[in-house]
Protein backbone atom coordinates (compact mmCIF):
# COMPACT_ATOMS: atom_id res chain seq x y z
CA MET A 1 292.70 163.28 16.70
CA GLU A 2 294.52 166.45 17.75
CA LYS A 3 294.01 167.45 21.38
CA GLY A 4 293.65 171.16 20.66
CA ALA A 5 293.79 173.62 23.56
CA TYR A 6 295.05 172.58 26.99
CA ILE A 7 293.35 173.96 30.08
CA ARG A 8 296.55 175.66 31.24
CA GLU A 9 296.50 177.65 27.96
CA LEU A 10 292.91 178.90 28.13
CA PRO A 11 292.52 182.67 27.77
CA GLU A 12 290.44 184.67 30.24
CA THR A 13 288.27 185.68 27.30
CA GLY A 14 288.11 184.38 23.76
CA ALA A 15 287.36 181.32 21.66
CA VAL A 16 288.49 177.81 22.60
CA THR A 17 288.55 174.55 20.65
CA GLY A 18 289.82 171.29 22.08
CA ILE A 19 289.17 167.81 23.41
CA PHE A 20 288.46 167.46 27.13
CA CYS A 21 287.36 164.69 29.46
CA VAL A 22 284.16 165.07 31.48
CA ALA A 23 285.08 164.73 35.16
CA GLU A 24 281.69 165.83 36.49
CA LYS A 25 278.27 166.26 34.90
CA ARG A 26 275.41 168.01 36.72
CA LEU A 27 271.96 168.97 35.42
CA LEU A 28 270.96 172.14 37.29
CA GLN A 29 268.46 174.99 37.11
CA THR A 30 268.79 178.75 37.06
CA LYS A 31 266.85 180.87 39.54
CA ASN A 32 264.01 181.19 37.04
CA GLY A 33 263.84 177.43 36.57
CA SER A 34 265.63 177.09 33.23
CA PRO A 35 267.79 173.95 32.98
CA TYR A 36 271.49 174.08 32.24
CA LEU A 37 274.32 171.59 32.22
CA ALA A 38 277.30 172.19 34.51
CA LEU A 39 280.44 170.27 33.56
CA THR A 40 283.89 169.92 35.08
CA LEU A 41 286.35 169.29 32.25
CA VAL A 42 289.89 167.98 32.74
CA ASP A 43 293.09 167.26 30.89
CA ASN A 44 296.61 166.63 32.16
CA SER A 45 297.16 170.32 32.87
CA GLY A 46 294.21 170.98 35.17
CA GLU A 47 290.44 171.34 35.24
CA VAL A 48 287.90 173.99 34.26
CA GLU A 49 284.17 174.55 34.71
CA ALA A 50 281.98 174.64 31.61
CA ARG A 51 278.30 175.41 31.00
CA LEU A 52 275.84 174.35 28.31
CA TRP A 53 272.75 176.55 28.17
CA GLU A 54 270.75 175.44 25.11
CA ASP A 55 268.96 172.18 24.17
CA VAL A 56 270.11 170.82 27.51
CA SER A 57 267.70 167.90 27.92
CA ASP A 58 268.49 166.38 24.53
CA LEU A 59 272.23 167.04 24.52
CA ALA A 60 272.72 165.70 28.07
CA GLN A 61 271.80 162.24 26.79
CA LEU A 62 274.73 162.15 24.36
CA PHE A 63 277.55 161.66 26.89
CA GLU A 64 278.35 160.59 30.44
CA LYS A 65 280.97 161.26 33.09
CA GLY A 66 284.32 159.96 31.83
CA ASP A 67 283.55 160.55 28.16
CA PHE A 68 285.66 162.72 25.85
CA LEU A 69 284.18 165.73 24.09
CA HIS A 70 285.49 167.89 21.27
CA ILE A 71 284.29 171.30 22.35
CA LYS A 72 283.97 174.66 20.65
CA GLY A 73 283.13 177.50 22.98
CA GLU A 74 284.03 180.80 24.56
CA CYS A 75 286.06 181.51 27.70
CA HIS A 76 285.07 184.17 30.21
CA LYS A 77 285.80 184.99 33.85
CA PHE A 78 283.24 184.01 36.49
CA ARG A 79 283.99 184.56 40.19
CA ASP A 80 287.69 185.01 39.46
CA ALA A 81 287.94 181.71 37.54
CA ILE A 82 287.87 180.86 33.85
CA GLN A 83 284.67 179.20 32.67
CA ILE A 84 283.77 177.86 29.21
CA LYS A 85 280.43 178.53 27.55
CA ILE A 86 279.92 175.56 25.22
CA ASN A 87 278.54 176.45 21.80
CA HIS A 88 279.03 173.05 20.18
CA PHE A 89 280.41 169.63 21.11
CA GLU A 90 280.90 166.16 19.66
CA PRO A 91 281.59 162.98 21.66
CA ILE A 92 284.95 161.41 20.76
CA PRO A 93 285.56 157.61 20.99
CA VAL A 94 288.20 156.68 23.55
CA ASN A 95 290.35 154.98 20.88
CA GLN A 96 290.80 158.34 19.14
CA VAL A 97 292.49 160.08 22.07
CA ASP A 98 295.79 159.67 23.88
CA PRO A 99 295.03 158.93 27.58
CA GLN A 100 298.27 160.66 28.60
CA ASP A 101 296.77 163.94 27.41
CA PHE A 102 294.12 163.65 30.11
CA LEU A 103 295.77 162.05 33.14
CA PRO A 104 298.27 164.12 35.12
CA SER A 105 301.52 162.37 36.00
CA ALA A 106 304.50 162.96 38.25
CA ASP A 107 307.35 165.05 36.89
CA ALA A 108 309.90 162.83 38.66
CA ASP A 109 311.45 159.76 37.03
CA LEU A 110 309.37 156.86 38.34
CA GLU A 111 312.13 154.27 37.96
CA ASP A 112 314.42 156.46 40.06
CA LEU A 113 311.68 156.75 42.68
CA TRP A 114 311.20 152.99 42.66
CA GLN A 115 314.91 152.47 43.28
CA GLU A 116 314.64 154.88 46.22
CA PHE A 117 311.72 152.81 47.53
CA VAL A 118 313.82 149.65 47.28
CA LYS A 119 316.81 151.35 48.92
CA CYS A 120 314.67 152.51 51.84
CA SER A 121 313.14 149.04 52.17
CA ARG A 122 316.55 147.45 52.49
CA ARG A 123 317.28 149.63 55.51
CA VAL A 124 314.65 147.66 57.44
CA LYS A 125 316.45 144.86 59.32
CA GLU A 126 313.76 143.44 61.63
CA PRO A 127 313.29 139.91 60.19
CA ALA A 128 309.51 139.84 59.69
CA LEU A 129 309.32 143.36 58.26
CA ALA A 130 312.34 142.76 56.03
CA ILE A 131 310.74 139.58 54.64
CA LEU A 132 307.44 141.41 54.12
CA LEU A 133 309.06 144.23 52.16
CA HIS A 134 311.26 141.86 50.15
CA THR A 135 308.20 139.79 49.22
CA MET A 136 306.45 142.91 47.96
CA ILE A 137 309.45 144.25 46.06
CA LYS A 138 310.02 141.07 44.08
CA ASP A 139 306.37 141.04 42.93
CA ALA A 140 306.29 142.71 39.49
CA LYS A 141 302.58 143.50 39.82
CA PHE A 142 303.22 145.28 43.13
CA LYS A 143 305.92 147.42 41.50
CA GLN A 144 303.64 148.33 38.60
CA LEU A 145 300.74 149.30 40.85
CA VAL A 146 302.83 151.30 43.33
CA SER A 147 304.64 153.11 40.52
CA THR A 148 301.43 154.04 38.70
CA ALA A 149 298.85 154.85 41.37
CA PRO A 150 298.02 158.42 42.41
CA ALA A 151 298.07 159.24 46.11
CA ALA A 152 294.69 160.96 46.12
CA LYS A 153 291.77 162.02 43.96
CA ARG A 154 292.34 165.73 44.59
CA MET A 155 294.07 166.78 47.80
CA HIS A 156 297.73 165.89 47.26
CA HIS A 157 299.94 164.01 44.79
CA ALA A 158 296.79 163.55 42.69
CA TYR A 159 298.55 162.29 39.57
CA LEU A 160 300.00 159.07 38.17
CA GLY A 161 303.07 158.13 40.18
CA GLY A 162 301.92 160.35 43.03
CA LEU A 163 301.69 157.46 45.48
CA LEU A 164 305.31 156.46 44.91
CA GLU A 165 306.50 160.07 45.07
CA HIS A 166 304.64 160.67 48.34
CA THR A 167 305.74 157.35 49.86
CA VAL A 168 309.43 157.94 49.17
CA SER A 169 309.16 161.47 50.51
CA VAL A 170 307.56 160.29 53.77
CA ALA A 171 310.19 157.54 54.12
CA LYS A 172 312.97 160.11 53.75
CA LEU A 173 311.31 162.32 56.34
CA ALA A 174 311.13 159.33 58.68
CA MET A 175 314.86 158.75 58.33
CA GLN A 176 315.55 162.38 59.22
CA VAL A 177 313.33 162.14 62.31
CA LEU A 178 315.15 158.96 63.36
CA LYS A 179 318.46 160.83 63.39
CA HIS A 180 317.10 163.17 66.06
CA TYR A 181 314.81 160.84 68.04
CA THR A 182 317.15 157.88 68.22
CA HIS A 183 315.02 155.94 70.70
CA LEU A 184 312.27 155.32 68.14
CA ASP A 185 311.87 151.90 66.53
CA LYS A 186 313.68 152.54 63.24
CA ASP A 187 312.41 149.45 61.45
CA LEU A 188 308.77 149.94 62.46
CA LEU A 189 308.65 153.63 61.56
CA LEU A 190 310.39 153.15 58.21
CA ALA A 191 308.19 150.18 57.28
CA GLY A 192 305.14 152.21 58.30
CA ALA A 193 306.28 155.12 56.14
CA LEU A 194 306.76 152.83 53.13
CA LEU A 195 303.41 151.06 53.55
CA HIS A 196 301.10 153.59 55.20
CA ASP A 197 299.22 154.36 51.95
CA ILE A 198 299.68 151.02 50.22
CA GLY A 199 295.91 150.47 50.18
CA LYS A 200 295.62 153.25 47.60
CA ILE A 201 296.68 150.82 44.88
CA ARG A 202 293.15 149.46 45.34
CA GLU A 203 291.30 152.51 46.64
CA LEU A 204 291.66 154.63 43.51
CA SER A 205 290.60 154.07 39.91
CA TYR A 206 292.88 155.65 37.32
CA ASP A 207 292.74 153.58 34.13
CA LYS A 208 291.05 156.56 32.46
CA PRO A 209 290.20 160.08 33.60
CA PRO A 210 289.10 161.30 35.96
CA ILE A 211 290.96 159.84 38.93
CA ASP A 212 288.21 158.53 41.19
CA TYR A 213 287.49 155.97 43.89
CA SER A 214 287.01 152.30 43.13
CA ASP A 215 284.01 150.54 44.63
CA GLU A 216 286.08 148.94 47.38
CA GLY A 217 287.87 152.23 47.86
CA ARG A 218 284.61 153.94 48.76
CA LEU A 219 283.18 151.02 50.71
CA ILE A 220 286.31 150.03 52.67
CA GLY A 221 288.95 152.75 52.29
CA HIS A 222 292.71 152.58 51.90
CA LEU A 223 293.50 152.22 55.61
CA VAL A 224 291.76 148.86 55.89
CA LEU A 225 292.77 147.86 52.37
CA GLY A 226 296.37 148.57 53.38
CA THR A 227 296.21 146.11 56.26
CA GLN A 228 294.74 143.54 53.86
CA GLU A 229 297.73 144.02 51.56
CA VAL A 230 300.08 143.51 54.50
CA ASP A 231 298.33 140.29 55.47
CA HIS A 232 298.37 139.09 51.85
CA TYR A 233 302.12 139.48 51.46
CA ALA A 234 302.80 138.29 55.01
CA LYS A 235 301.10 135.00 54.16
CA ILE A 236 303.21 134.65 51.03
CA GLY A 237 306.33 135.37 53.09
CA GLY A 238 305.38 132.89 55.81
CA ILE A 239 305.09 135.58 58.50
CA ASP A 240 302.94 135.02 61.59
CA LEU A 241 299.90 137.28 61.08
CA ASN A 242 299.45 137.58 64.84
CA SER A 243 303.04 138.61 65.56
CA LYS A 244 303.54 141.74 67.65
CA ILE A 245 305.56 143.51 64.97
CA LEU A 246 302.95 142.93 62.28
CA THR A 247 300.19 144.10 64.61
CA SER A 248 302.23 147.24 65.33
CA LEU A 249 302.73 147.88 61.61
CA LYS A 250 299.01 147.56 60.93
CA HIS A 251 298.32 149.93 63.81
CA LEU A 252 300.51 152.55 62.12
CA ILE A 253 298.62 152.07 58.85
CA LEU A 254 295.20 152.28 60.51
CA SER A 255 296.04 155.31 62.67
CA HIS A 256 298.15 157.48 60.36
CA HIS A 257 295.28 159.91 59.61
CA GLY A 258 295.59 160.96 63.22
CA GLN A 259 291.96 161.75 64.04
CA ARG A 260 288.71 159.81 63.73
CA GLU A 261 287.08 162.71 61.88
CA TYR A 262 289.79 162.27 59.23
CA GLY A 263 288.94 158.62 58.77
CA ALA A 264 291.27 156.93 61.25
CA PRO A 265 289.49 153.94 62.88
CA VAL A 266 291.98 154.17 65.76
CA LEU A 267 294.12 157.03 67.07
CA PRO A 268 297.93 156.75 67.07
CA MET A 269 298.84 154.96 70.31
CA MET A 270 302.55 154.44 69.67
CA GLU A 271 305.29 157.05 69.33
CA GLU A 272 306.04 155.83 65.83
CA GLY A 273 302.35 156.23 64.96
CA VAL A 274 302.35 159.85 66.15
CA VAL A 275 305.46 160.58 64.09
CA LEU A 276 304.06 158.89 60.99
CA HIS A 277 300.85 160.91 61.18
CA LEU A 278 302.77 164.19 61.45
CA ILE A 279 305.23 163.60 58.61
CA ASP A 280 302.53 162.20 56.33
CA ASP A 281 300.35 165.24 56.98
CA MET A 282 303.28 167.60 56.42
CA ASP A 283 304.24 166.06 53.08
CA ALA A 284 300.63 166.07 51.85
CA LYS A 285 300.04 169.71 52.80
CA LEU A 286 303.32 170.94 51.32
CA ASN A 287 302.53 169.18 48.05
CA TYR A 288 299.11 170.87 48.07
CA LEU A 289 300.77 174.25 48.63
CA LYS A 290 303.25 173.53 45.84
CA GLY A 291 300.30 173.17 43.51
CA LEU A 292 298.94 176.50 44.70
CA LYS A 293 302.29 178.18 44.11
CA LEU A 294 302.40 176.85 40.55
CA SER A 295 299.00 178.43 39.91
CA LEU A 296 300.20 181.92 40.88
CA ASP A 297 301.44 184.52 38.39
CA GLY A 298 304.24 187.03 38.80
CA THR A 299 307.19 186.94 41.17
CA GLU A 300 305.92 188.69 44.30
CA GLN A 301 304.49 187.01 47.39
CA GLN A 302 300.70 187.14 47.16
CA TRP A 303 297.42 185.82 48.56
CA THR A 304 295.80 182.76 47.03
CA GLN A 305 292.09 182.35 46.53
CA TYR A 306 290.26 181.01 49.59
CA GLN A 307 291.07 177.32 50.02
CA ARG A 308 287.90 175.76 51.35
CA ILE A 309 289.49 172.37 51.92
CA MET A 310 291.91 173.94 54.44
CA ASP A 311 289.61 176.76 55.60
CA ARG A 312 292.01 179.65 54.94
CA TYR A 313 293.84 181.86 52.45
CA PHE A 314 297.58 181.37 51.93
CA PHE A 315 300.27 184.01 51.45
CA LEU A 316 302.74 182.41 49.04
CA SER A 317 305.52 183.21 46.61
CA PRO A 318 304.98 181.93 43.05
CA ASP A 319 307.00 178.82 42.31
CA GLN A 320 309.98 179.82 40.18
CA ALA A 321 310.08 176.30 38.72
CA LYS A 322 307.05 177.29 36.65
CA ASP A 323 308.94 180.11 34.94
CA GLN A 324 312.02 177.94 34.46
CA GLY A 325 309.82 175.26 32.96
CA ALA A 326 308.27 177.72 30.54
CA ALA A 327 311.71 178.83 29.41
CA SER A 328 312.83 175.22 28.94
CA GLU A 329 309.75 174.38 26.89
CA LYS A 330 310.36 177.44 24.75
CA ASN A 331 313.83 176.06 24.06
CA GLY A 332 312.43 172.63 23.19
CA ASP A 333 313.07 170.86 26.51
CA ASP A 334 310.30 168.27 26.66
CA GLU A 335 311.47 166.92 30.01
CA THR A 336 310.30 169.95 31.97
CA ARG A 337 306.72 170.24 30.64
CA LEU A 338 306.07 173.40 32.65
CA GLY A 339 305.34 171.40 35.78
CA GLN A 340 301.74 171.69 34.61
CA LYS A 341 300.63 168.33 35.94
CA LYS A 342 300.96 169.58 39.51
CA LEU A 343 298.21 172.11 38.80
CA TRP A 344 295.65 169.48 39.71
CA ASP A 345 296.69 169.94 43.33
CA SER A 346 295.46 173.54 43.28
CA PHE A 347 291.78 172.69 42.84
């Protein structure tokens, strides 16, 4: 079945027809007590709020979060954002849609990123860490999971392949830091950069939209899951689980969020842990800001909407890659795809 309109194409006002995935479903009430259905709809170009005002109780029973709906409605602006008033919808079976229309994915070539991951891994010479990384790399399932997983549900690199893109970026940042601070443990920091988010292959669920947390992701979290992955592959590689170097690596994984209020069970207590926290945080925030820049129109530096997650406005220049992508698509260049998948970072 044809997808119809994409969220990136929605007009500020006017009719809309298309298939969307239900990311959130909330039954609410107006101030006078009338029920209405508030939906968050997604496709691979972004997300949009939608409202259903009539026959709410009966129609709410026809679909659940994660279902696909063919919607006919009207777009309008509400609090500076586009919102859809739903006039009619029909549930669509999952076998009648293309999942790639609804899951955002990295613009980068994932095989190229994987080769970068392997190249960085081979720079690690400490015997136990080198064996650990080699054991992971030769596991086809590990490659598939690392190459597919997103790095987050919303905040940064929240698209298929995002974990690999983020990991390679942090590893490259680590190598730059090592050129300046030559006293740091090169092997430990680089291994930590490559494996700091490895638990996200289990933390996140992304077989169908929306990207969300798995049960063990919510109950345990990717920091602890990451140390479990290290122990799993260390056993396969015959590495002593109580060795100092493996304990140090797991400390970097457990502490890389930097603060307990950000989910770190321990604070960074090694120089390499402090560095890893800083470069990981920098890469995540710059990816988030890249998404904001792609959502801006025009060419002049301008203020974004208030970003609650970071408690501030940002003064940014629109990303010129968006305009270049639009020109390429107009000329039939399917490889550019407007950079639209990064728009998920802006919400």
